[in-house]
Amino acid sequence: MLLAVDHVQLAAPPGSEDALRAYYVGVLGMTEIPKPPVLAARGGCWFEAGHVQLHIGVESDFRAAKKAHPGLEVTRIEEYATRLESLGAPVTWDDNLPGHLRFYSQDPVGNRLEFLEPVRRSGRGE
């Protein structure tokens, strides 16, 4: 039986690790976590925030996916979007998911990321 998602793997071109670290740590506020030595030899890097882990592996023929993406739940989404924009990351709002505020961004190699926050309703049993 499935219990949870342990991590999401994204891809990146060789040699992009420094740009990815700057984005995932410096812009998104994640923490880099060490890869096991046998995996570290392959390149790439791993990041976490709370219970979320993103693993980024190196692909020599990398092409960013146009639709595939992780959906990352955040709090105070407007403040988070402002932070990303102020640090140079693109933010594209999308209002097509009922009950959520959400936007998309891209990492430095073009990976699409979705950020969303459920709209909390109060009063009258809503």
N, C-alpha and C. Protein backbone atom coordinates (compact mmCIF):
# COMPACT_ATOMS: atom_id res chain seq x y z
N MET A 1 0.84 -1.18 0.00
CA MET A 1 0.00 0.00 0.00
C MET A 1 0.89 1.24 0.00
N LEU A 2 0.54 2.20 -0.83
CA LEU A 2 1.29 3.46 -0.87
C LEU A 2 1.05 4.25 0.40
N LEU A 3 2.09 4.86 0.90
CA LEU A 3 2.00 5.65 2.13
C LEU A 3 2.19 7.14 1.86
N ALA A 4 3.21 7.49 1.08
CA ALA A 4 3.53 8.90 0.83
C ALA A 4 4.49 8.98 -0.34
N VAL A 5 4.67 10.17 -0.85
CA VAL A 5 5.72 10.41 -1.84
C VAL A 5 7.00 10.69 -1.06
N ASP A 6 8.04 9.92 -1.31
CA ASP A 6 9.31 10.11 -0.62
C ASP A 6 10.08 11.30 -1.19
N HIS A 7 10.11 11.41 -2.49
CA HIS A 7 10.78 12.53 -3.15
C HIS A 7 10.31 12.63 -4.58
N VAL A 8 10.66 13.73 -5.22
CA VAL A 8 10.41 13.93 -6.65
C VAL A 8 11.77 14.16 -7.29
N GLN A 9 12.00 13.47 -8.41
CA GLN A 9 13.26 13.62 -9.14
C GLN A 9 13.03 14.52 -10.35
N LEU A 10 13.87 15.52 -10.49
CA LEU A 10 13.90 16.37 -11.67
C LEU A 10 15.24 16.15 -12.36
N ALA A 11 15.35 16.60 -13.58
CA ALA A 11 16.60 16.44 -14.32
C ALA A 11 17.21 17.80 -14.61
N ALA A 12 18.49 17.78 -14.93
CA ALA A 12 19.23 19.00 -15.24
C ALA A 12 20.43 18.63 -16.12
N PRO A 13 20.95 19.59 -16.86
CA PRO A 13 22.13 19.30 -17.68
C PRO A 13 23.40 19.23 -16.83
N PRO A 14 24.41 18.54 -17.34
CA PRO A 14 25.68 18.48 -16.62
C PRO A 14 26.24 19.88 -16.35
N GLY A 15 26.84 20.05 -15.18
CA GLY A 15 27.49 21.31 -14.85
C GLY A 15 26.56 22.40 -14.32
N SER A 16 25.29 22.09 -14.10
CA SER A 16 24.34 23.12 -13.65
C SER A 16 24.13 23.15 -12.14
N GLU A 17 24.87 22.35 -11.41
CA GLU A 17 24.63 22.23 -9.97
C GLU A 17 24.75 23.56 -9.22
N ASP A 18 25.72 24.39 -9.54
CA ASP A 18 25.87 25.66 -8.82
C ASP A 18 24.66 26.57 -9.03
N ALA A 19 24.16 26.64 -10.25
CA ALA A 19 22.96 27.44 -10.53
C ALA A 19 21.75 26.86 -9.81
N LEU A 20 21.65 25.55 -9.75
CA LEU A 20 20.54 24.91 -9.05
C LEU A 20 20.61 25.18 -7.55
N ARG A 21 21.81 25.10 -6.99
CA ARG A 21 21.97 25.41 -5.55
C ARG A 21 21.55 26.85 -5.27
N ALA A 22 21.97 27.77 -6.11
CA ALA A 22 21.61 29.18 -5.92
C ALA A 22 20.10 29.35 -5.94
N TYR A 23 19.42 28.63 -6.80
CA TYR A 23 17.96 28.75 -6.91
C TYR A 23 17.24 28.03 -5.76
N TYR A 24 17.52 26.76 -5.59
CA TYR A 24 16.76 25.98 -4.61
C TYR A 24 17.06 26.39 -3.17
N VAL A 25 18.29 26.78 -2.88
CA VAL A 25 18.64 27.25 -1.54
C VAL A 25 18.40 28.75 -1.41
N GLY A 26 18.98 29.52 -2.31
CA GLY A 26 18.93 30.98 -2.20
C GLY A 26 17.58 31.59 -2.51
N VAL A 27 16.86 31.05 -3.48
CA VAL A 27 15.58 31.62 -3.89
C VAL A 27 14.42 30.91 -3.18
N LEU A 28 14.36 29.58 -3.28
CA LEU A 28 13.23 28.86 -2.68
C LEU A 28 13.36 28.68 -1.17
N GLY A 29 14.57 28.78 -0.64
CA GLY A 29 14.77 28.65 0.80
C GLY A 29 14.87 27.20 1.27
N MET A 30 15.19 26.29 0.37
CA MET A 30 15.37 24.89 0.74
C MET A 30 16.77 24.68 1.31
N THR A 31 17.02 23.51 1.83
CA THR A 31 18.33 23.14 2.36
C THR A 31 18.90 22.03 1.49
N GLU A 32 20.16 22.16 1.11
CA GLU A 32 20.78 21.06 0.37
C GLU A 32 21.10 19.94 1.34
N ILE A 33 20.80 18.72 0.93
CA ILE A 33 21.12 17.55 1.76
C ILE A 33 22.13 16.70 1.01
N PRO A 34 23.03 16.05 1.74
CA PRO A 34 24.07 15.27 1.06
C PRO A 34 23.50 14.04 0.37
N LYS A 35 24.04 13.76 -0.79
CA LYS A 35 23.72 12.53 -1.50
C LYS A 35 24.66 11.44 -0.98
N PRO A 36 24.22 10.20 -0.95
CA PRO A 36 25.16 9.11 -0.63
C PRO A 36 26.34 9.15 -1.61
N PRO A 37 27.55 8.86 -1.12
CA PRO A 37 28.74 8.99 -1.97
C PRO A 37 28.64 8.30 -3.34
N VAL A 38 28.09 7.11 -3.38
CA VAL A 38 27.99 6.40 -4.66
C VAL A 38 27.08 7.15 -5.64
N LEU A 39 26.06 7.84 -5.14
CA LEU A 39 25.17 8.63 -6.00
C LEU A 39 25.75 10.01 -6.29
N ALA A 40 26.49 10.57 -5.35
CA ALA A 40 27.10 11.89 -5.55
C ALA A 40 28.06 11.88 -6.73
N ALA A 41 28.69 10.73 -6.97
CA ALA A 41 29.63 10.62 -8.09
C ALA A 41 28.95 10.83 -9.44
N ARG A 42 27.63 10.69 -9.49
CA ARG A 42 26.88 10.86 -10.74
C ARG A 42 26.55 12.33 -11.03
N GLY A 43 26.81 13.21 -10.05
CA GLY A 43 26.45 14.61 -10.20
C GLY A 43 25.04 14.85 -9.68
N GLY A 44 24.56 16.06 -9.87
CA GLY A 44 23.25 16.42 -9.37
C GLY A 44 23.30 16.86 -7.92
N CYS A 45 22.14 17.14 -7.35
CA CYS A 45 22.05 17.59 -5.96
C CYS A 45 20.64 17.34 -5.43
N TRP A 46 20.54 17.25 -4.11
CA TRP A 46 19.28 17.00 -3.44
C TRP A 46 18.96 18.15 -2.49
N PHE A 47 17.66 18.45 -2.37
CA PHE A 47 17.21 19.54 -1.51
C PHE A 47 15.99 19.10 -0.73
N GLU A 48 15.79 19.76 0.44
CA GLU A 48 14.58 19.48 1.22
C GLU A 48 14.10 20.73 1.92
N ALA A 49 12.80 20.71 2.23
CA ALA A 49 12.15 21.73 3.06
C ALA A 49 10.99 21.01 3.73
N GLY A 50 11.00 20.95 5.05
CA GLY A 50 9.97 20.20 5.75
C GLY A 50 10.02 18.74 5.33
N HIS A 51 8.88 18.22 4.87
CA HIS A 51 8.81 16.83 4.43
C HIS A 51 9.01 16.68 2.92
N VAL A 52 9.33 17.77 2.25
CA VAL A 52 9.47 17.76 0.79
C VAL A 52 10.94 17.57 0.42
N GLN A 53 11.20 16.60 -0.44
CA GLN A 53 12.54 16.43 -1.00
C GLN A 53 12.47 16.49 -2.51
N LEU A 54 13.38 17.27 -3.10
CA LEU A 54 13.56 17.31 -4.54
C LEU A 54 14.97 16.82 -4.85
N HIS A 55 15.06 15.81 -5.69
CA HIS A 55 16.34 15.28 -6.13
C HIS A 55 16.52 15.73 -7.57
N ILE A 56 17.68 16.25 -7.89
CA ILE A 56 17.94 16.69 -9.25
C ILE A 56 19.11 15.89 -9.79
N GLY A 57 18.82 15.11 -10.81
CA GLY A 57 19.83 14.25 -11.43
C GLY A 57 20.29 14.82 -12.75
N VAL A 58 21.50 14.48 -13.12
CA VAL A 58 22.11 14.98 -14.34
C VAL A 58 21.75 14.07 -15.52
N GLU A 59 21.34 14.69 -16.62
CA GLU A 59 21.08 13.98 -17.87
C GLU A 59 21.87 14.65 -18.98
N SER A 60 22.69 13.89 -19.68
CA SER A 60 23.54 14.49 -20.72
C SER A 60 22.71 15.07 -21.86
N ASP A 61 21.55 14.49 -22.15
CA ASP A 61 20.70 15.01 -23.23
C ASP A 61 19.47 15.71 -22.66
N PHE A 62 19.66 16.45 -21.59
CA PHE A 62 18.57 17.10 -20.86
C PHE A 62 17.73 18.01 -21.75
N ARG A 63 16.41 17.90 -21.57
CA ARG A 63 15.44 18.83 -22.13
C ARG A 63 14.37 19.03 -21.07
N ALA A 64 14.10 20.24 -20.69
CA ALA A 64 13.10 20.52 -19.66
C ALA A 64 11.72 20.08 -20.15
N ALA A 65 10.96 19.43 -19.27
CA ALA A 65 9.59 19.02 -19.61
C ALA A 65 8.71 20.26 -19.70
N LYS A 66 7.77 20.26 -20.63
CA LYS A 66 6.88 21.40 -20.78
C LYS A 66 5.70 21.36 -19.83
N LYS A 67 5.24 20.17 -19.45
CA LYS A 67 4.08 20.04 -18.59
C LYS A 67 4.40 19.40 -17.24
N ALA A 68 5.27 18.40 -17.23
CA ALA A 68 5.56 17.68 -15.99
C ALA A 68 6.15 18.64 -14.95
N HIS A 69 5.73 18.48 -13.69
CA HIS A 69 6.21 19.36 -12.63
C HIS A 69 5.79 18.81 -11.27
N PRO A 70 6.54 19.16 -10.23
CA PRO A 70 6.05 18.88 -8.88
C PRO A 70 5.11 20.01 -8.46
N GLY A 71 4.11 19.66 -7.67
CA GLY A 71 3.22 20.65 -7.07
C GLY A 71 3.62 20.81 -5.62
N LEU A 72 4.05 21.98 -5.23
CA LEU A 72 4.58 22.23 -3.90
C LEU A 72 3.65 23.13 -3.11
N GLU A 73 3.10 22.60 -2.01
CA GLU A 73 2.20 23.40 -1.18
C GLU A 73 3.01 24.34 -0.31
N VAL A 74 2.58 25.59 -0.28
CA VAL A 74 3.27 26.62 0.51
C VAL A 74 2.26 27.34 1.40
N THR A 75 2.78 28.08 2.35
CA THR A 75 1.95 28.98 3.16
C THR A 75 2.28 30.41 2.75
N ARG A 76 1.33 31.32 2.98
CA ARG A 76 1.52 32.73 2.65
C ARG A 76 2.03 32.87 1.21
N ILE A 77 1.26 32.32 0.29
CA ILE A 77 1.69 32.21 -1.11
C ILE A 77 2.01 33.56 -1.75
N GLU A 78 1.25 34.61 -1.40
CA GLU A 78 1.53 35.91 -2.00
C GLU A 78 2.92 36.40 -1.60
N GLU A 79 3.26 36.24 -0.31
CA GLU A 79 4.59 36.64 0.16
C GLU A 79 5.68 35.80 -0.51
N TYR A 80 5.40 34.52 -0.68
CA TYR A 80 6.37 33.62 -1.30
C TYR A 80 6.61 34.02 -2.76
N ALA A 81 5.53 34.34 -3.47
CA ALA A 81 5.66 34.77 -4.86
C ALA A 81 6.46 36.07 -4.95
N THR A 82 6.20 37.00 -4.05
CA THR A 82 6.94 38.25 -4.02
C THR A 82 8.42 38.00 -3.79
N ARG A 83 8.74 37.07 -2.88
CA ARG A 83 10.14 36.71 -2.62
C ARG A 83 10.80 36.19 -3.89
N LEU A 84 10.13 35.26 -4.58
CA LEU A 84 10.71 34.69 -5.79
C LEU A 84 10.95 35.77 -6.84
N GLU A 85 9.94 36.63 -7.06
CA GLU A 85 10.10 37.70 -8.05
C GLU A 85 11.23 38.65 -7.68
N SER A 86 11.34 38.99 -6.40
CA SER A 86 12.39 39.92 -5.98
C SER A 86 13.78 39.33 -6.16
N LEU A 87 13.87 38.00 -6.22
CA LEU A 87 15.15 37.33 -6.43
C LEU A 87 15.35 36.90 -7.88
N GLY A 88 14.48 37.40 -8.77
CA GLY A 88 14.66 37.18 -10.19
C GLY A 88 13.99 35.96 -10.78
N ALA A 89 13.21 35.23 -10.00
CA ALA A 89 12.53 34.04 -10.53
C ALA A 89 11.20 34.45 -11.16
N PRO A 90 10.84 33.82 -12.28
CA PRO A 90 9.56 34.15 -12.90
C PRO A 90 8.38 33.62 -12.07
N VAL A 91 7.30 34.35 -12.04
CA VAL A 91 6.07 33.95 -11.34
C VAL A 91 4.90 34.17 -12.30
N THR A 92 4.17 33.10 -12.58
CA THR A 92 3.00 33.18 -13.44
C THR A 92 1.80 32.64 -12.67
N TRP A 93 0.89 33.53 -12.30
CA TRP A 93 -0.29 33.13 -11.53
C TRP A 93 -1.27 32.38 -12.43
N ASP A 94 -1.99 31.43 -11.83
CA ASP A 94 -2.98 30.64 -12.55
C ASP A 94 -4.17 30.43 -11.61
N ASP A 95 -5.36 30.79 -12.05
CA ASP A 95 -6.54 30.67 -11.20
C ASP A 95 -7.49 29.56 -11.65
N ASN A 96 -6.95 28.54 -12.30
CA ASN A 96 -7.78 27.48 -12.85
C ASN A 96 -7.96 26.27 -11.94
N LEU A 97 -7.50 26.33 -10.71
CA LEU A 97 -7.69 25.22 -9.77
C LEU A 97 -8.58 25.70 -8.64
N PRO A 98 -9.87 25.36 -8.67
CA PRO A 98 -10.79 25.82 -7.63
C PRO A 98 -10.29 25.45 -6.23
N GLY A 99 -10.48 26.40 -5.31
CA GLY A 99 -10.10 26.16 -3.92
C GLY A 99 -8.63 26.38 -3.61
N HIS A 100 -7.88 26.88 -4.57
CA HIS A 100 -6.44 27.09 -4.37
C HIS A 100 -5.98 28.40 -5.00
N LEU A 101 -4.98 29.00 -4.39
CA LEU A 101 -4.18 30.03 -5.02
C LEU A 101 -2.95 29.30 -5.55
N ARG A 102 -2.53 29.64 -6.76
CA ARG A 102 -1.34 28.95 -7.27
C ARG A 102 -0.64 29.77 -8.35
N PHE A 103 0.65 29.48 -8.46
CA PHE A 103 1.46 30.06 -9.53
C PHE A 103 2.50 29.06 -9.97
N TYR A 104 3.06 29.33 -11.13
CA TYR A 104 4.15 28.51 -11.67
C TYR A 104 5.42 29.33 -11.73
N SER A 105 6.54 28.63 -11.63
CA SER A 105 7.84 29.25 -11.81
C SER A 105 8.73 28.24 -12.53
N GLN A 106 9.94 28.65 -12.82
CA GLN A 106 10.91 27.76 -13.45
C GLN A 106 12.24 27.89 -12.75
N ASP A 107 12.94 26.76 -12.63
CA ASP A 107 14.29 26.82 -12.09
C ASP A 107 15.24 27.27 -13.20
N PRO A 108 16.53 27.45 -12.89
CA PRO A 108 17.47 28.01 -13.89
C PRO A 108 17.65 27.15 -15.15
N VAL A 109 17.27 25.87 -15.10
CA VAL A 109 17.43 25.02 -16.29
C VAL A 109 16.10 24.77 -16.99
N GLY A 110 15.02 25.42 -16.51
CA GLY A 110 13.74 25.33 -17.19
C GLY A 110 12.74 24.34 -16.61
N ASN A 111 13.07 23.69 -15.50
CA ASN A 111 12.10 22.80 -14.86
C ASN A 111 10.93 23.62 -14.36
N ARG A 112 9.72 23.17 -14.66
CA ARG A 112 8.49 23.85 -14.23
C ARG A 112 8.16 23.43 -12.80
N LEU A 113 7.80 24.39 -11.97
CA LEU A 113 7.42 24.14 -10.58
C LEU A 113 6.08 24.82 -10.32
N GLU A 114 5.18 24.10 -9.67
CA GLU A 114 3.89 24.66 -9.28
C GLU A 114 3.89 24.88 -7.78
N PHE A 115 3.45 26.06 -7.37
CA PHE A 115 3.32 26.39 -5.95
C PHE A 115 1.85 26.67 -5.69
N LEU A 116 1.30 26.04 -4.65
CA LEU A 116 -0.11 26.23 -4.39
C LEU A 116 -0.40 26.27 -2.89
N GLU A 117 -1.51 26.95 -2.59
CA GLU A 117 -1.97 27.06 -1.21
C GLU A 117 -3.50 26.91 -1.23
N PRO A 118 -4.02 25.93 -0.47
CA PRO A 118 -5.47 25.81 -0.40
C PRO A 118 -6.08 27.08 0.18
N VAL A 119 -7.23 27.47 -0.35
CA VAL A 119 -7.96 28.62 0.17
C VAL A 119 -8.74 28.11 1.38
N ARG A 120 -8.48 28.69 2.51
CA ARG A 120 -9.16 28.29 3.74
C ARG A 120 -10.43 29.10 3.87
N ARG A 121 -11.53 28.41 3.97
CA ARG A 121 -12.83 29.09 4.12
C ARG A 121 -13.27 28.99 5.56
N SER A 122 -14.02 30.00 6.00
CA SER A 122 -14.50 29.99 7.38
C SER A 122 -15.95 30.44 7.41
N GLY A 123 -16.62 30.06 8.47
CA GLY A 123 -18.00 30.50 8.67
C GLY A 123 -19.01 29.63 7.95
N ARG A 124 -20.20 29.56 8.46
CA ARG A 124 -21.34 28.88 7.90
C ARG A 124 -21.04 27.50 7.33
N GLY A 125 -20.15 26.76 7.96
CA GLY A 125 -19.89 25.40 7.57
C GLY A 125 -19.17 25.21 6.24
N GLU A 126 -18.64 26.28 5.70
CA GLU A 126 -17.93 26.18 4.42
C GLU A 126 -16.59 25.51 4.60
